Amino acid sequence: MLVNIANEQVNHADIYIICINDHYDQTLLDLLDQRVKFVKIGRPLGSRNPWYILKMNYLIWKINPDVIHSHDPNLSKYIIGLKWMNS
């Protein structure tokens, strides 16, 4: 579903997908529109090294997104400067 959404949204905005883990499906990546920017952070599965969190924060700061979609509900507590409205 993410591929379909990203491929549609890229017609209207700059779209980035940041993959934190070093695990992804290349067949899905091959379906992404060439204009979607896919960034791999490369965190080994299970790693607790803070370097990857810092790298993610740098990318988010650099991109300055309007919307962040995450598959991890706890990710928000690791994004520096992010203000969430919890409901």
PDB file of N, CA and C in Angstrom:
ATOM      1  N   MET A   1       0.823  -1.179   0.000  1.00  0.00           N
ATOM      2  CA  MET A   1       0.000   0.000   0.000  1.00  0.00           C
ATOM      3  C   MET A   1       0.880   1.260   0.000  1.00  0.00           C
ATOM      4  N   LEU A   2       2.001   1.230   0.737  1.00  0.00           N
ATOM      5  CA  LEU A   2       2.886   2.392   0.798  1.00  0.00           C
ATOM      6  C   LEU A   2       3.400   2.773  -0.585  1.00  0.00           C
ATOM      7  N   VAL A   3       3.704   1.776  -1.400  1.00  0.00           N
ATOM      8  CA  VAL A   3       4.196   2.043  -2.751  1.00  0.00           C
ATOM      9  C   VAL A   3       3.139   2.793  -3.551  1.00  0.00           C
ATOM     10  N   ASN A   4       1.892   2.348  -3.485  1.00  0.00           N
ATOM     11  CA  ASN A   4       0.817   3.005  -4.230  1.00  0.00           C
ATOM     12  C   ASN A   4       0.598   4.441  -3.756  1.00  0.00           C
ATOM     13  N   ILE A   5       0.617   4.641  -2.444  1.00  0.00           N
ATOM     14  CA  ILE A   5       0.417   5.983  -1.900  1.00  0.00           C
ATOM     15  C   ILE A   5       1.563   6.902  -2.305  1.00  0.00           C
ATOM     16  N   ALA A   6       2.796   6.432  -2.136  1.00  0.00           N
ATOM     17  CA  ALA A   6       3.965   7.246  -2.494  1.00  0.00           C
ATOM     18  C   ALA A   6       3.962   7.577  -3.978  1.00  0.00           C
ATOM     19  N   ASN A   7       3.626   6.610  -4.814  1.00  0.00           N
ATOM     20  CA  ASN A   7       3.610   6.845  -6.265  1.00  0.00           C
ATOM     21  C   ASN A   7       2.555   7.868  -6.672  1.00  0.00           C
ATOM     22  N   GLU A   8       1.459   7.945  -5.937  1.00  0.00           N
ATOM     23  CA  GLU A   8       0.437   8.957  -6.225  1.00  0.00           C
ATOM     24  C   GLU A   8       0.838  10.306  -5.657  1.00  0.00           C
ATOM     25  N   GLN A   9       1.339  10.325  -4.429  1.00  0.00           N
ATOM     26  CA  GLN A   9       1.693  11.592  -3.790  1.00  0.00           C
ATOM     27  C   GLN A   9       2.859  12.296  -4.476  1.00  0.00           C
ATOM     28  N   VAL A  10       3.739  11.552  -5.097  1.00  0.00           N
ATOM     29  CA  VAL A  10       4.894  12.164  -5.746  1.00  0.00           C
ATOM     30  C   VAL A  10       4.484  13.058  -6.925  1.00  0.00           C
ATOM     31  N   ASN A  11       3.235  12.927  -7.365  1.00  0.00           N
ATOM     32  CA  ASN A  11       2.716  13.821  -8.410  1.00  0.00           C
ATOM     33  C   ASN A  11       2.414  15.214  -7.870  1.00  0.00           C
ATOM     34  N   HIS A  12       2.373  15.347  -6.540  1.00  0.00           N
ATOM     35  CA  HIS A  12       1.967  16.607  -5.926  1.00  0.00           C
ATOM     36  C   HIS A  12       2.977  17.173  -4.935  1.00  0.00           C
ATOM     37  N   ALA A  13       3.963  16.369  -4.530  1.00  0.00           N
ATOM     38  CA  ALA A  13       4.907  16.820  -3.500  1.00  0.00           C
ATOM     39  C   ALA A  13       6.195  15.997  -3.585  1.00  0.00           C
ATOM     40  N   ASP A  14       7.211  16.474  -2.899  1.00  0.00           N
ATOM     41  CA  ASP A  14       8.438  15.686  -2.758  1.00  0.00           C
ATOM     42  C   ASP A  14       8.170  14.604  -1.719  1.00  0.00           C
ATOM     43  N   ILE A  15       8.457  13.365  -2.068  1.00  0.00           N
ATOM     44  CA  ILE A  15       8.176  12.239  -1.186  1.00  0.00           C
ATOM     45  C   ILE A  15       9.478  11.515  -0.864  1.00  0.00           C
ATOM     46  N   TYR A  16       9.689  11.313   0.430  1.00  0.00           N
ATOM     47  CA  TYR A  16      10.834  10.553   0.920  1.00  0.00           C
ATOM     48  C   TYR A  16      10.313   9.359   1.697  1.00  0.00           C
ATOM     49  N   ILE A  17      10.970   8.238   1.530  1.00  0.00           N
ATOM     50  CA  ILE A  17      10.743   7.083   2.387  1.00  0.00           C
ATOM     51  C   ILE A  17      12.087   6.803   3.039  1.00  0.00           C
ATOM     52  N   ILE A  18      12.093   6.862   4.372  1.00  0.00           N
ATOM     53  CA  ILE A  18      13.317   6.585   5.118  1.00  0.00           C
ATOM     54  C   ILE A  18      13.157   5.207   5.747  1.00  0.00           C
ATOM     55  N   CYS A  19      14.018   4.302   5.360  1.00  0.00           N
ATOM     56  CA  CYS A  19      14.005   2.952   5.913  1.00  0.00           C
ATOM     57  C   CYS A  19      15.110   2.871   6.956  1.00  0.00           C
ATOM     58  N   ILE A  20      14.719   2.777   8.213  1.00  0.00           N
ATOM     59  CA  ILE A  20      15.689   2.765   9.304  1.00  0.00           C
ATOM     60  C   ILE A  20      16.436   1.435   9.344  1.00  0.00           C
ATOM     61  N   ASN A  21      15.706   0.340   9.269  1.00  0.00           N
ATOM     62  CA  ASN A  21      16.338  -0.979   9.360  1.00  0.00           C
ATOM     63  C   ASN A  21      17.034  -1.361   8.060  1.00  0.00           C
ATOM     64  N   ASP A  22      17.941  -2.291   8.177  1.00  0.00           N
ATOM     65  CA  ASP A  22      18.678  -2.782   7.015  1.00  0.00           C
ATOM     66  C   ASP A  22      17.918  -3.918   6.334  1.00  0.00           C
ATOM     67  N   HIS A  23      16.613  -3.944   6.528  1.00  0.00           N
ATOM     68  CA  HIS A  23      15.781  -5.002   5.968  1.00  0.00           C
ATOM     69  C   HIS A  23      14.656  -4.351   5.161  1.00  0.00           C
ATOM     70  N   TYR A  24      14.619  -4.635   3.879  1.00  0.00           N
ATOM     71  CA  TYR A  24      13.577  -4.102   3.012  1.00  0.00           C
ATOM     72  C   TYR A  24      13.385  -5.062   1.851  1.00  0.00           C
ATOM     73  N   ASP A  25      12.282  -4.906   1.165  1.00  0.00           N
ATOM     74  CA  ASP A  25      11.928  -5.788   0.051  1.00  0.00           C
ATOM     75  C   ASP A  25      12.272  -5.092  -1.266  1.00  0.00           C
ATOM     76  N   GLN A  26      13.291  -5.570  -1.928  1.00  0.00           N
ATOM     77  CA  GLN A  26      13.747  -4.953  -3.175  1.00  0.00           C
ATOM     78  C   GLN A  26      12.665  -4.984  -4.256  1.00  0.00           C
ATOM     79  N   THR A  27      11.825  -6.014  -4.267  1.00  0.00           N
ATOM     80  CA  THR A  27      10.773  -6.063  -5.287  1.00  0.00           C
ATOM     81  C   THR A  27       9.792  -4.909  -5.116  1.00  0.00           C
ATOM     82  N   LEU A  28       9.543  -4.488  -3.848  1.00  0.00           N
ATOM     83  CA  LEU A  28       8.681  -3.319  -3.623  1.00  0.00           C
ATOM     84  C   LEU A  28       9.391  -2.039  -4.047  1.00  0.00           C
ATOM     85  N   LEU A  29      10.675  -1.952  -3.755  1.00  0.00           N
ATOM     86  CA  LEU A  29      11.431  -0.760  -4.169  1.00  0.00           C
ATOM     87  C   LEU A  29      11.417  -0.591  -5.680  1.00  0.00           C
ATOM     88  N   ASP A  30      11.471  -1.686  -6.384  1.00  0.00           N
ATOM     89  CA  ASP A  30      11.460  -1.631  -7.851  1.00  0.00           C
ATOM     90  C   ASP A  30      10.150  -1.078  -8.390  1.00  0.00           C
ATOM     91  N   LEU A  31       9.086  -1.125  -7.593  1.00  0.00           N
ATOM     92  CA  LEU A  31       7.781  -0.605  -8.016  1.00  0.00           C
ATOM     93  C   LEU A  31       7.617   0.885  -7.737  1.00  0.00           C
ATOM     94  N   LEU A  32       8.533   1.465  -6.946  1.00  0.00           N
ATOM     95  CA  LEU A  32       8.435   2.891  -6.621  1.00  0.00           C
ATOM     96  C   LEU A  32       8.728   3.763  -7.839  1.00  0.00           C
ATOM     97  N   ASP A  33       7.971   4.823  -7.962  1.00  0.00           N
ATOM     98  CA  ASP A  33       8.242   5.848  -8.973  1.00  0.00           C
ATOM     99  C   ASP A  33       9.664   6.369  -8.753  1.00  0.00           C
ATOM    100  N   GLN A  34      10.388   6.611  -9.828  1.00  0.00           N
ATOM    101  CA  GLN A  34      11.775   7.074  -9.737  1.00  0.00           C
ATOM    102  C   GLN A  34      11.911   8.395  -8.989  1.00  0.00           C
ATOM    103  N   ARG A  35      10.823   9.167  -8.910  1.00  0.00           N
ATOM    104  CA  ARG A  35      10.864  10.461  -8.213  1.00  0.00           C
ATOM    105  C   ARG A  35      10.765  10.331  -6.696  1.00  0.00           C
ATOM    106  N   VAL A  36      10.319   9.173  -6.198  1.00  0.00           N
ATOM    107  CA  VAL A  36      10.263   8.934  -4.755  1.00  0.00           C
ATOM    108  C   VAL A  36      11.696   8.702  -4.277  1.00  0.00           C
ATOM    109  N   LYS A  37      12.082   9.450  -3.266  1.00  0.00           N
ATOM    110  CA  LYS A  37      13.439   9.332  -2.738  1.00  0.00           C
ATOM    111  C   LYS A  37      13.445   8.313  -1.606  1.00  0.00           C
ATOM    112  N   PHE A  38      14.129   7.209  -1.819  1.00  0.00           N
ATOM    113  CA  PHE A  38      14.217   6.136  -0.826  1.00  0.00           C
ATOM    114  C   PHE A  38      15.586   6.228  -0.167  1.00  0.00           C
ATOM    115  N   VAL A  39      15.590   6.454   1.145  1.00  0.00           N
ATOM    116  CA  VAL A  39      16.837   6.635   1.885  1.00  0.00           C
ATOM    117  C   VAL A  39      16.987   5.472   2.863  1.00  0.00           C
ATOM    118  N   LYS A  40      18.122   4.786   2.787  1.00  0.00           N
ATOM    119  CA  LYS A  40      18.403   3.653   3.664  1.00  0.00           C
ATOM    120  C   LYS A  40      19.355   4.097   4.758  1.00  0.00           C
ATOM    121  N   ILE A  41      18.919   3.932   6.008  1.00  0.00           N
ATOM    122  CA  ILE A  41      19.804   4.247   7.131  1.00  0.00           C
ATOM    123  C   ILE A  41      20.685   3.040   7.460  1.00  0.00           C
ATOM    124  N   GLY A  42      20.186   1.847   7.296  1.00  0.00           N
ATOM    125  CA  GLY A  42      21.004   0.646   7.418  1.00  0.00           C
ATOM    126  C   GLY A  42      21.206   0.097   8.818  1.00  0.00           C
ATOM    127  N   ARG A  43      20.276   0.352   9.723  1.00  0.00           N
ATOM    128  CA  ARG A  43      20.395  -0.171  11.090  1.00  0.00           C
ATOM    129  C   ARG A  43      20.218  -1.685  11.071  1.00  0.00           C
ATOM    130  N   PRO A  44      21.212  -2.418  11.585  1.00  0.00           N
ATOM    131  CA  PRO A  44      21.042  -3.877  11.670  1.00  0.00           C
ATOM    132  C   PRO A  44      19.870  -4.223  12.586  1.00  0.00           C
ATOM    133  N   LEU A  45      19.132  -5.243  12.232  1.00  0.00           N
ATOM    134  CA  LEU A  45      17.971  -5.664  13.005  1.00  0.00           C
ATOM    135  C   LEU A  45      18.364  -5.913  14.458  1.00  0.00           C
ATOM    136  N   GLY A  46      17.663  -5.283  15.379  1.00  0.00           N
ATOM    137  CA  GLY A  46      17.910  -5.456  16.799  1.00  0.00           C
ATOM    138  C   GLY A  46      18.957  -4.523  17.389  1.00  0.00           C
ATOM    139  N   SER A  47      19.620  -3.729  16.556  1.00  0.00           N
ATOM    140  CA  SER A  47      20.666  -2.826  17.052  1.00  0.00           C
ATOM    141  C   SER A  47      20.062  -1.726  17.918  1.00  0.00           C
ATOM    142  N   ARG A  48      20.772  -1.382  18.973  1.00  0.00           N
ATOM    143  CA  ARG A  48      20.368  -0.273  19.846  1.00  0.00           C
ATOM    144  C   ARG A  48      21.387   0.865  19.779  1.00  0.00           C
ATOM    145  N   ASN A  49      22.215   0.851  18.763  1.00  0.00           N
ATOM    146  CA  ASN A  49      23.227   1.883  18.575  1.00  0.00           C
ATOM    147  C   ASN A  49      22.538   3.222  18.298  1.00  0.00           C
ATOM    148  N   PRO A  50      22.807   4.254  19.102  1.00  0.00           N
ATOM    149  CA  PRO A  50      22.135   5.548  18.918  1.00  0.00           C
ATOM    150  C   PRO A  50      22.535   6.268  17.629  1.00  0.00           C
ATOM    151  N   TRP A  51      23.578   5.837  16.963  1.00  0.00           N
ATOM    152  CA  TRP A  51      24.009   6.462  15.710  1.00  0.00           C
ATOM    153  C   TRP A  51      22.860   6.500  14.698  1.00  0.00           C
ATOM    154  N   TYR A  52      22.095   5.433  14.628  1.00  0.00           N
ATOM    155  CA  TYR A  52      21.023   5.352  13.632  1.00  0.00           C
ATOM    156  C   TYR A  52      19.886   6.328  13.957  1.00  0.00           C
ATOM    157  N   ILE A  53      19.632   6.553  15.225  1.00  0.00           N
ATOM    158  CA  ILE A  53      18.626   7.542  15.635  1.00  0.00           C
ATOM    159  C   ILE A  53      19.108   8.945  15.275  1.00  0.00           C
ATOM    160  N   LEU A  54      20.390   9.211  15.515  1.00  0.00           N
ATOM    161  CA  LEU A  54      20.952  10.519  15.156  1.00  0.00           C
ATOM    162  C   LEU A  54      20.895  10.745  13.649  1.00  0.00           C
ATOM    163  N   LYS A  55      21.222   9.709  12.896  1.00  0.00           N
ATOM    164  CA  LYS A  55      21.178   9.814  11.429  1.00  0.00           C
ATOM    165  C   LYS A  55      19.748  10.060  10.949  1.00  0.00           C
ATOM    166  N   MET A  56      18.791   9.358  11.553  1.00  0.00           N
ATOM    167  CA  MET A  56      17.384   9.565  11.202  1.00  0.00           C
ATOM    168  C   MET A  56      16.963  11.006  11.502  1.00  0.00           C
ATOM    169  N   ASN A  57      17.348  11.499  12.675  1.00  0.00           N
ATOM    170  CA  ASN A  57      17.004  12.866  13.043  1.00  0.00           C
ATOM    171  C   ASN A  57      17.626  13.882  12.097  1.00  0.00           C
ATOM    172  N   TYR A  58      18.860  13.653  11.691  1.00  0.00           N
ATOM    173  CA  TYR A  58      19.501  14.559  10.732  1.00  0.00           C
ATOM    174  C   TYR A  58      18.720  14.579   9.422  1.00  0.00           C
ATOM    175  N   LEU A  59      18.332  13.410   8.938  1.00  0.00           N
ATOM    176  CA  LEU A  59      17.569  13.349   7.680  1.00  0.00           C
ATOM    177  C   LEU A  59      16.225  14.053   7.814  1.00  0.00           C
ATOM    178  N   ILE A  60      15.545  13.853   8.922  1.00  0.00           N
ATOM    179  CA  ILE A  60      14.248  14.514   9.137  1.00  0.00           C
ATOM    180  C   ILE A  60      14.443  16.025   9.203  1.00  0.00           C
ATOM    181  N   TRP A  61      15.483  16.470   9.904  1.00  0.00           N
ATOM    182  CA  TRP A  61      15.781  17.912   9.969  1.00  0.00           C
ATOM    183  C   TRP A  61      16.067  18.468   8.580  1.00  0.00           C
ATOM    184  N   LYS A  62      16.852  17.737   7.794  1.00  0.00           N
ATOM    185  CA  LYS A  62      17.236  18.184   6.456  1.00  0.00           C
ATOM    186  C   LYS A  62      16.032  18.230   5.508  1.00  0.00           C
ATOM    187  N   ILE A  63      15.185  17.217   5.579  1.00  0.00           N
ATOM    188  CA  ILE A  63      14.013  17.141   4.695  1.00  0.00           C
ATOM    189  C   ILE A  63      12.930  18.122   5.132  1.00  0.00           C
ATOM    190  N   ASN A  64      12.769  18.291   6.451  1.00  0.00           N
ATOM    191  CA  ASN A  64      11.747  19.173   7.020  1.00  0.00           C
ATOM    192  C   ASN A  64      10.344  18.801   6.508  1.00  0.00           C
ATOM    193  N   PRO A  65       9.896  17.578   6.802  1.00  0.00           N
ATOM    194  CA  PRO A  65       8.618  17.118   6.250  1.00  0.00           C
ATOM    195  C   PRO A  65       7.409  17.751   6.920  1.00  0.00           C
ATOM    196  N   ASP A  66       6.316  17.804   6.192  1.00  0.00           N
ATOM    197  CA  ASP A  66       5.039  18.250   6.742  1.00  0.00           C
ATOM    198  C   ASP A  66       4.344  17.110   7.482  1.00  0.00           C
ATOM    199  N   VAL A  67       4.585  15.875   7.030  1.00  0.00           N
ATOM    200  CA  VAL A  67       3.936  14.700   7.594  1.00  0.00           C
ATOM    201  C   VAL A  67       4.976  13.599   7.761  1.00  0.00           C
ATOM    202  N   ILE A  68       4.890  12.893   8.877  1.00  0.00           N
ATOM    203  CA  ILE A  68       5.731  11.720   9.106  1.00  0.00           C
ATOM    204  C   ILE A  68       4.801  10.545   9.381  1.00  0.00           C
ATOM    205  N   HIS A  69       4.965   9.494   8.605  1.00  0.00           N
ATOM    206  CA  HIS A  69       4.191   8.270   8.800  1.00  0.00           C
ATOM    207  C   HIS A  69       5.165   7.206   9.288  1.00  0.00           C
ATOM    208  N   SER A  70       4.838   6.546  10.385  1.00  0.00           N
ATOM    209  CA  SER A  70       5.723   5.534  10.950  1.00  0.00           C
ATOM    210  C   SER A  70       4.957   4.256  11.225  1.00  0.00           C
ATOM    211  N   HIS A  71       5.640   3.142  11.085  1.00  0.00           N
ATOM    212  CA  HIS A  71       5.039   1.855  11.433  1.00  0.00           C
ATOM    213  C   HIS A  71       5.361   1.474  12.869  1.00  0.00           C
ATOM    214  N   ASP A  72       6.069   2.346  13.582  1.00  0.00           N
ATOM    215  CA  ASP A  72       6.417   2.108  14.982  1.00  0.00           C
ATOM    216  C   ASP A  72       5.800   3.213  15.832  1.00  0.00           C
ATOM    217  N   PRO A  73       4.816   2.883  16.658  1.00  0.00           N
ATOM    218  CA  PRO A  73       4.152   3.925  17.448  1.00  0.00           C
ATOM    219  C   PRO A  73       5.074   4.597  18.463  1.00  0.00           C
ATOM    220  N   ASN A  74       6.209   4.002  18.767  1.00  0.00           N
ATOM    221  CA  ASN A  74       7.145   4.576  19.727  1.00  0.00           C
ATOM    222  C   ASN A  74       8.203   5.469  19.083  1.00  0.00           C
ATOM    223  N   LEU A  75       8.221   5.539  17.767  1.00  0.00           N
ATOM    224  CA  LEU A  75       9.259   6.299  17.074  1.00  0.00           C
ATOM    225  C   LEU A  75       9.233   7.781  17.427  1.00  0.00           C
ATOM    226  N   SER A  76       8.068   8.314  17.714  1.00  0.00           N
ATOM    227  CA  SER A  76       7.952   9.748  17.974  1.00  0.00           C
ATOM    228  C   SER A  76       8.821  10.216  19.135  1.00  0.00           C
ATOM    229  N   LYS A  77       9.049   9.357  20.106  1.00  0.00           N
ATOM    230  CA  LYS A  77       9.857   9.776  21.250  1.00  0.00           C
ATOM    231  C   LYS A  77      11.339   9.884  20.912  1.00  0.00           C
ATOM    232  N   TYR A  78      11.743   9.420  19.741  1.00  0.00           N
ATOM    233  CA  TYR A  78      13.143   9.496  19.322  1.00  0.00           C
ATOM    234  C   TYR A  78      13.413  10.622  18.325  1.00  0.00           C
ATOM    235  N   ILE A  79      12.363  11.309  17.895  1.00  0.00           N
ATOM    236  CA  ILE A  79      12.538  12.392  16.929  1.00  0.00           C
ATOM    237  C   ILE A  79      12.723  13.691  17.700  1.00  0.00           C
ATOM    238  N   ILE A  80      13.901  14.254  17.585  1.00  0.00           N
ATOM    239  CA  ILE A  80      14.267  15.466  18.321  1.00  0.00           C
ATOM    240  C   ILE A  80      13.458  16.653  17.814  1.00  0.00           C
ATOM    241  N   GLY A  81      12.844  17.382  18.744  1.00  0.00           N
ATOM    242  CA  GLY A  81      12.116  18.593  18.395  1.00  0.00           C
ATOM    243  C   GLY A  81      10.717  18.368  17.868  1.00  0.00           C
ATOM    244  N   LEU A  82      10.283  17.134  17.833  1.00  0.00           N
ATOM    245  CA  LEU A  82       8.949  16.843  17.310  1.00  0.00           C
ATOM    246  C   LEU A  82       7.909  17.081  18.374  1.00  0.00           C
ATOM    247  N   LYS A  83       6.874  17.809  18.034  1.00  0.00           N
ATOM    248  CA  LYS A  83       5.774  18.082  18.960  1.00  0.00           C
ATOM    249  C   LYS A  83       4.569  17.273  18.501  1.00  0.00           C
ATOM    250  N   TRP A  84       4.123  16.398  19.352  1.00  0.00           N
ATOM    251  CA  TRP A  84       2.977  15.533  19.038  1.00  0.00           C
ATOM    252  C   TRP A  84       1.766  15.926  19.858  1.00  0.00           C
ATOM    253  N   MET A  85       0.628  15.815  19.248  1.00  0.00           N
ATOM    254  CA  MET A  85      -0.627  15.900  19.980  1.00  0.00           C
ATOM    255  C   MET A  85      -1.077  14.468  20.164  1.00  0.00           C
ATOM    256  N   ASN A  86      -1.001  13.978  21.353  1.00  0.00           N
ATOM    257  CA  ASN A  86      -1.435  12.596  21.618  1.00  0.00           C
ATOM    258  C   ASN A  86      -2.918  12.599  21.917  1.00  0.00           C
ATOM    259  N   SER A  87      -3.607  11.694  21.280  1.00  0.00           N
ATOM    260  CA  SER A  87      -5.050  11.567  21.529  1.00  0.00           C
ATOM    261  C   SER A  87      -5.401  10.151  21.839  1.00  0.00           C
TER     262      SER A  87
END
